[in-house]
Amino acid sequence: MPKAYLWDSSLVNDRGARFENLVALHLLTLCTGSKIRKGTRSSCATCAIPRAAEVDFLVTWEGKPWFAVEAKLSDRDFQPSLAYFRARLGIPFCYQVVLDGTADYLRDGIRCVPAARFFAALP
């Protein structure tokens, strides 16, 4: 099922979908800003294999995978598709960005990070 993101996250009723929409807006700002400031080609898209695996966002830099992001409300469990796409596409960095919680840790090459810290680190 294709996803649509809104310019105004507050219009999204579901809490999880609203948070994912907010992450999408931050990544769009990152990609657009890098094109304007540096003239680089960066983009953000979803990455999915129908009925098998999906990751919320894959950000590319100059046509190559740069990092993948899965937006979650909590850090209870890692999304297995992050590891799947990391291995198959050679994605250097994978993040599970969480809204609730303060945990910041690395497991199997995937970093679980609070949303505020992730957003603050984006240029």
N, C-alpha and C. Protein backbone atom coordinates (compact mmCIF):
# COMPACT_ATOMS: atom_id res chain seq x y z
N MET A 1 0.85 -1.18 0.00
CA MET A 1 0.00 0.00 0.00
C MET A 1 0.90 1.24 0.00
N PRO A 2 0.77 2.11 -0.99
CA PRO A 2 1.56 3.33 -1.02
C PRO A 2 1.25 4.23 0.18
N LYS A 3 2.27 4.95 0.61
CA LYS A 3 2.10 5.88 1.73
C LYS A 3 2.11 7.30 1.22
N ALA A 4 1.42 8.15 1.95
CA ALA A 4 1.42 9.59 1.64
C ALA A 4 1.78 10.33 2.92
N TYR A 5 2.58 11.35 2.79
CA TYR A 5 2.98 12.17 3.93
C TYR A 5 2.47 13.59 3.72
N LEU A 6 2.08 14.22 4.80
CA LEU A 6 1.51 15.57 4.75
C LEU A 6 2.52 16.60 5.20
N TRP A 7 2.40 17.83 4.68
CA TRP A 7 3.28 18.91 5.11
C TRP A 7 2.99 19.29 6.56
N ASP A 8 1.78 19.07 7.02
CA ASP A 8 1.39 19.39 8.40
C ASP A 8 1.11 18.09 9.15
N SER A 9 2.07 17.64 9.96
CA SER A 9 1.93 16.38 10.69
C SER A 9 0.75 16.37 11.65
N SER A 10 0.35 17.54 12.11
CA SER A 10 -0.74 17.60 13.10
C SER A 10 -2.08 17.15 12.50
N LEU A 11 -2.17 17.06 11.19
CA LEU A 11 -3.40 16.61 10.54
C LEU A 11 -3.54 15.09 10.54
N VAL A 12 -2.49 14.37 10.94
CA VAL A 12 -2.52 12.91 10.98
C VAL A 12 -3.03 12.48 12.35
N ASN A 13 -4.10 11.70 12.37
CA ASN A 13 -4.75 11.33 13.63
C ASN A 13 -4.01 10.26 14.42
N ASP A 14 -3.54 9.22 13.75
CA ASP A 14 -2.88 8.11 14.44
C ASP A 14 -1.51 8.56 14.94
N ARG A 15 -1.22 8.28 16.20
CA ARG A 15 0.04 8.74 16.82
C ARG A 15 1.27 8.19 16.11
N GLY A 16 1.28 6.91 15.78
CA GLY A 16 2.42 6.30 15.09
C GLY A 16 2.61 6.86 13.70
N ALA A 17 1.52 7.02 12.97
CA ALA A 17 1.60 7.59 11.62
C ALA A 17 2.02 9.05 11.67
N ARG A 18 1.57 9.78 12.69
CA ARG A 18 1.96 11.19 12.83
C ARG A 18 3.47 11.30 13.07
N PHE A 19 4.01 10.40 13.92
CA PHE A 19 5.45 10.43 14.19
C PHE A 19 6.23 10.07 12.93
N GLU A 20 5.79 9.05 12.20
CA GLU A 20 6.47 8.69 10.95
C GLU A 20 6.44 9.85 9.97
N ASN A 21 5.32 10.56 9.91
CA ASN A 21 5.21 11.73 9.04
C ASN A 21 6.20 12.82 9.46
N LEU A 22 6.38 13.01 10.76
CA LEU A 22 7.33 14.00 11.27
C LEU A 22 8.76 13.63 10.87
N VAL A 23 9.10 12.35 10.99
CA VAL A 23 10.43 11.90 10.57
C VAL A 23 10.61 12.15 9.07
N ALA A 24 9.58 11.86 8.28
CA ALA A 24 9.65 12.10 6.83
C ALA A 24 9.95 13.57 6.53
N LEU A 25 9.30 14.47 7.26
CA LEU A 25 9.53 15.90 7.03
C LEU A 25 10.97 16.30 7.36
N HIS A 26 11.51 15.77 8.44
CA HIS A 26 12.90 16.07 8.81
C HIS A 26 13.87 15.55 7.75
N LEU A 27 13.62 14.34 7.23
CA LEU A 27 14.51 13.78 6.22
C LEU A 27 14.38 14.52 4.89
N LEU A 28 13.17 14.94 4.56
CA LEU A 28 12.98 15.75 3.36
C LEU A 28 13.75 17.07 3.47
N THR A 29 13.71 17.68 4.64
CA THR A 29 14.46 18.92 4.88
C THR A 29 15.96 18.69 4.72
N LEU A 30 16.45 17.57 5.24
CA LEU A 30 17.87 17.22 5.10
C LEU A 30 18.24 17.09 3.62
N CYS A 31 17.47 16.34 2.88
CA CYS A 31 17.79 16.10 1.46
C CYS A 31 17.67 17.38 0.63
N THR A 32 16.62 18.13 0.87
CA THR A 32 16.44 19.38 0.13
C THR A 32 17.55 20.38 0.47
N GLY A 33 17.89 20.49 1.74
CA GLY A 33 18.95 21.40 2.17
C GLY A 33 20.29 21.05 1.58
N SER A 34 20.60 19.75 1.48
CA SER A 34 21.90 19.36 0.92
C SER A 34 21.97 19.69 -0.56
N LYS A 35 20.84 19.60 -1.25
CA LYS A 35 20.82 19.96 -2.67
C LYS A 35 21.05 21.45 -2.85
N ILE A 36 20.42 22.24 -2.00
CA ILE A 36 20.53 23.70 -2.11
C ILE A 36 21.92 24.19 -1.69
N ARG A 37 22.39 23.73 -0.52
CA ARG A 37 23.66 24.22 0.02
C ARG A 37 24.88 23.68 -0.73
N LYS A 38 24.86 22.39 -1.06
CA LYS A 38 26.07 21.76 -1.59
C LYS A 38 25.94 21.28 -3.03
N GLY A 39 24.73 21.30 -3.55
CA GLY A 39 24.53 20.82 -4.91
C GLY A 39 24.64 19.31 -5.04
N THR A 40 24.54 18.60 -3.93
CA THR A 40 24.65 17.15 -3.96
C THR A 40 23.31 16.52 -4.31
N ARG A 41 23.38 15.31 -4.80
CA ARG A 41 22.16 14.57 -5.10
C ARG A 41 21.87 13.64 -3.93
N SER A 42 20.88 13.99 -3.15
CA SER A 42 20.44 13.11 -2.07
C SER A 42 18.94 12.96 -2.20
N SER A 43 18.45 11.83 -1.75
CA SER A 43 17.01 11.59 -1.84
C SER A 43 16.58 10.71 -0.69
N CYS A 44 15.27 10.68 -0.48
CA CYS A 44 14.69 9.89 0.60
C CYS A 44 13.50 9.15 0.02
N ALA A 45 13.43 7.86 0.27
CA ALA A 45 12.33 7.04 -0.23
C ALA A 45 12.06 5.91 0.74
N THR A 46 10.94 5.23 0.56
CA THR A 46 10.71 4.01 1.32
C THR A 46 11.38 2.86 0.58
N CYS A 47 11.64 1.79 1.29
CA CYS A 47 12.30 0.64 0.70
C CYS A 47 11.48 -0.58 1.09
N ALA A 48 10.98 -1.32 0.10
CA ALA A 48 10.10 -2.44 0.42
C ALA A 48 10.19 -3.54 -0.61
N ILE A 49 9.94 -4.74 -0.12
CA ILE A 49 9.71 -5.91 -0.96
C ILE A 49 8.27 -6.33 -0.64
N PRO A 50 7.37 -6.30 -1.61
CA PRO A 50 5.97 -6.58 -1.34
C PRO A 50 5.76 -7.87 -0.54
N ARG A 51 5.00 -7.76 0.52
CA ARG A 51 4.63 -8.87 1.41
C ARG A 51 5.83 -9.53 2.07
N ALA A 52 6.97 -8.86 2.15
CA ALA A 52 8.14 -9.49 2.76
C ALA A 52 8.80 -8.57 3.78
N ALA A 53 9.34 -7.45 3.34
CA ALA A 53 10.08 -6.57 4.25
C ALA A 53 9.92 -5.13 3.80
N GLU A 54 9.97 -4.23 4.79
CA GLU A 54 9.81 -2.81 4.49
C GLU A 54 10.58 -2.01 5.54
N VAL A 55 11.19 -0.95 5.10
CA VAL A 55 11.82 -0.01 6.02
C VAL A 55 11.23 1.36 5.69
N ASP A 56 11.00 2.16 6.72
CA ASP A 56 10.29 3.43 6.51
C ASP A 56 11.00 4.35 5.52
N PHE A 57 12.32 4.54 5.70
CA PHE A 57 13.04 5.50 4.85
C PHE A 57 14.44 5.00 4.52
N LEU A 58 14.82 5.21 3.29
CA LEU A 58 16.18 4.97 2.84
C LEU A 58 16.67 6.28 2.25
N VAL A 59 17.70 6.84 2.82
CA VAL A 59 18.28 8.08 2.33
C VAL A 59 19.52 7.73 1.53
N THR A 60 19.59 8.25 0.32
CA THR A 60 20.74 8.01 -0.53
C THR A 60 21.54 9.30 -0.70
N TRP A 61 22.82 9.14 -0.96
CA TRP A 61 23.72 10.26 -1.19
C TRP A 61 24.49 9.96 -2.45
N GLU A 62 24.36 10.82 -3.45
CA GLU A 62 25.00 10.63 -4.74
C GLU A 62 24.67 9.25 -5.33
N GLY A 63 23.41 8.83 -5.15
CA GLY A 63 22.94 7.58 -5.74
C GLY A 63 23.26 6.31 -4.97
N LYS A 64 23.92 6.43 -3.82
CA LYS A 64 24.28 5.24 -3.03
C LYS A 64 23.58 5.29 -1.67
N PRO A 65 23.21 4.12 -1.11
CA PRO A 65 22.58 4.11 0.21
C PRO A 65 23.47 4.79 1.24
N TRP A 66 22.88 5.69 2.02
CA TRP A 66 23.61 6.40 3.08
C TRP A 66 23.13 5.90 4.44
N PHE A 67 21.82 6.02 4.69
CA PHE A 67 21.30 5.46 5.93
C PHE A 67 19.82 5.13 5.79
N ALA A 68 19.38 4.19 6.66
CA ALA A 68 17.98 3.77 6.68
C ALA A 68 17.41 4.13 8.04
N VAL A 69 16.12 4.44 8.05
CA VAL A 69 15.44 4.86 9.28
C VAL A 69 14.12 4.13 9.42
N GLU A 70 13.90 3.61 10.60
CA GLU A 70 12.60 3.05 10.97
C GLU A 70 12.08 3.89 12.13
N ALA A 71 10.90 4.45 11.98
CA ALA A 71 10.29 5.29 13.01
C ALA A 71 9.37 4.44 13.87
N LYS A 72 9.60 4.45 15.18
CA LYS A 72 8.80 3.65 16.11
C LYS A 72 8.43 4.51 17.32
N LEU A 73 7.33 4.15 17.94
CA LEU A 73 6.91 4.88 19.14
C LEU A 73 7.77 4.51 20.34
N SER A 74 8.27 3.26 20.40
CA SER A 74 9.10 2.84 21.54
C SER A 74 10.26 1.98 21.04
N ASP A 75 11.19 1.68 21.94
CA ASP A 75 12.39 0.93 21.54
C ASP A 75 12.33 -0.54 21.95
N ARG A 76 11.15 -1.08 22.15
CA ARG A 76 11.04 -2.46 22.64
C ARG A 76 11.74 -3.47 21.73
N ASP A 77 11.46 -3.43 20.46
CA ASP A 77 12.02 -4.40 19.53
C ASP A 77 12.56 -3.71 18.29
N PHE A 78 13.67 -4.27 17.77
CA PHE A 78 14.18 -3.77 16.51
C PHE A 78 13.32 -4.30 15.37
N GLN A 79 13.18 -3.49 14.37
CA GLN A 79 12.48 -3.89 13.15
C GLN A 79 13.43 -4.79 12.37
N PRO A 80 13.10 -6.08 12.16
CA PRO A 80 14.04 -6.99 11.47
C PRO A 80 14.37 -6.57 10.05
N SER A 81 13.49 -5.81 9.41
CA SER A 81 13.77 -5.40 8.03
C SER A 81 14.97 -4.47 7.94
N LEU A 82 15.30 -3.77 9.02
CA LEU A 82 16.51 -2.92 9.01
C LEU A 82 17.74 -3.76 8.75
N ALA A 83 17.88 -4.87 9.46
CA ALA A 83 19.03 -5.76 9.27
C ALA A 83 19.00 -6.40 7.89
N TYR A 84 17.82 -6.75 7.42
CA TYR A 84 17.66 -7.37 6.10
C TYR A 84 18.18 -6.44 5.00
N PHE A 85 17.69 -5.21 4.98
CA PHE A 85 18.12 -4.27 3.93
C PHE A 85 19.56 -3.81 4.14
N ARG A 86 19.99 -3.71 5.37
CA ARG A 86 21.39 -3.32 5.66
C ARG A 86 22.34 -4.31 5.01
N ALA A 87 22.06 -5.60 5.18
CA ALA A 87 22.92 -6.64 4.63
C ALA A 87 22.86 -6.69 3.10
N ARG A 88 21.68 -6.58 2.55
CA ARG A 88 21.52 -6.75 1.10
C ARG A 88 21.91 -5.52 0.28
N LEU A 89 21.73 -4.34 0.85
CA LEU A 89 22.04 -3.12 0.10
C LEU A 89 23.35 -2.48 0.53
N GLY A 90 23.98 -3.00 1.58
CA GLY A 90 25.22 -2.42 2.07
C GLY A 90 25.02 -1.03 2.65
N ILE A 91 23.94 -0.85 3.38
CA ILE A 91 23.63 0.46 3.97
C ILE A 91 24.59 0.70 5.14
N PRO A 92 25.38 1.78 5.10
CA PRO A 92 26.37 2.01 6.15
C PRO A 92 25.78 2.27 7.54
N PHE A 93 24.65 2.96 7.59
CA PHE A 93 24.07 3.34 8.89
C PHE A 93 22.58 3.02 8.91
N CYS A 94 22.14 2.42 10.01
CA CYS A 94 20.71 2.12 10.19
C CYS A 94 20.28 2.62 11.56
N TYR A 95 19.12 3.27 11.58
CA TYR A 95 18.61 3.86 12.82
C TYR A 95 17.17 3.43 13.05
N GLN A 96 16.88 3.09 14.30
CA GLN A 96 15.50 2.97 14.73
C GLN A 96 15.27 4.19 15.62
N VAL A 97 14.52 5.13 15.11
CA VAL A 97 14.27 6.40 15.80
C VAL A 97 12.99 6.23 16.60
N VAL A 98 13.08 6.48 17.91
CA VAL A 98 11.93 6.24 18.78
C VAL A 98 11.44 7.53 19.42
N LEU A 99 10.13 7.63 19.52
CA LEU A 99 9.52 8.82 20.11
C LEU A 99 9.54 8.75 21.63
N ASP A 100 9.13 7.62 22.18
CA ASP A 100 9.06 7.46 23.63
C ASP A 100 10.30 6.72 24.13
N GLY A 101 10.96 7.28 25.09
CA GLY A 101 12.13 6.62 25.65
C GLY A 101 13.39 7.44 25.47
N THR A 102 14.39 7.08 26.26
CA THR A 102 15.66 7.79 26.23
C THR A 102 16.81 6.85 25.89
N ALA A 103 16.50 5.58 25.61
CA ALA A 103 17.55 4.61 25.32
C ALA A 103 18.30 5.00 24.04
N ASP A 104 19.61 4.86 24.10
CA ASP A 104 20.46 5.13 22.94
C ASP A 104 21.52 4.04 22.94
N TYR A 105 21.37 3.07 22.04
CA TYR A 105 22.31 1.95 22.03
C TYR A 105 22.47 1.41 20.62
N LEU A 106 23.51 0.62 20.45
CA LEU A 106 23.83 0.01 19.17
C LEU A 106 23.72 -1.50 19.33
N ARG A 107 22.98 -2.15 18.42
CA ARG A 107 22.86 -3.60 18.45
C ARG A 107 22.93 -4.11 17.02
N ASP A 108 23.89 -4.98 16.77
CA ASP A 108 24.04 -5.59 15.44
C ASP A 108 24.12 -4.55 14.32
N GLY A 109 24.80 -3.45 14.58
CA GLY A 109 25.00 -2.43 13.57
C GLY A 109 23.82 -1.48 13.39
N ILE A 110 22.79 -1.60 14.22
CA ILE A 110 21.62 -0.74 14.15
C ILE A 110 21.56 0.08 15.43
N ARG A 111 21.44 1.39 15.27
CA ARG A 111 21.40 2.27 16.43
C ARG A 111 19.95 2.64 16.75
N CYS A 112 19.58 2.41 18.00
CA CYS A 112 18.29 2.84 18.51
C CYS A 112 18.55 4.19 19.18
N VAL A 113 17.84 5.21 18.75
CA VAL A 113 18.13 6.57 19.21
C VAL A 113 16.82 7.34 19.44
N PRO A 114 16.76 8.14 20.51
CA PRO A 114 15.58 8.97 20.73
C PRO A 114 15.42 10.00 19.61
N ALA A 115 14.19 10.29 19.27
CA ALA A 115 13.90 11.20 18.16
C ALA A 115 14.58 12.56 18.34
N ALA A 116 14.52 13.13 19.53
CA ALA A 116 15.12 14.44 19.74
C ALA A 116 16.61 14.45 19.43
N ARG A 117 17.31 13.41 19.82
CA ARG A 117 18.76 13.33 19.56
C ARG A 117 19.01 13.14 18.06
N PHE A 118 18.20 12.30 17.41
CA PHE A 118 18.35 12.08 15.97
C PHE A 118 18.11 13.35 15.19
N PHE A 119 17.02 14.06 15.50
CA PHE A 119 16.71 15.30 14.79
C PHE A 119 17.79 16.35 15.02
N ALA A 120 18.30 16.43 16.24
CA ALA A 120 19.33 17.42 16.56
C ALA A 120 20.62 17.17 15.78
N ALA A 121 20.88 15.91 15.43
CA ALA A 121 22.12 15.57 14.73
C ALA A 121 22.03 15.81 13.22
N LEU A 122 20.83 16.01 12.71
CA LEU A 122 20.70 16.25 11.27
C LEU A 122 21.19 17.66 10.94
N PRO A 123 21.98 17.78 9.87
CA PRO A 123 22.47 19.13 9.52
C PRO A 123 21.36 20.03 9.00
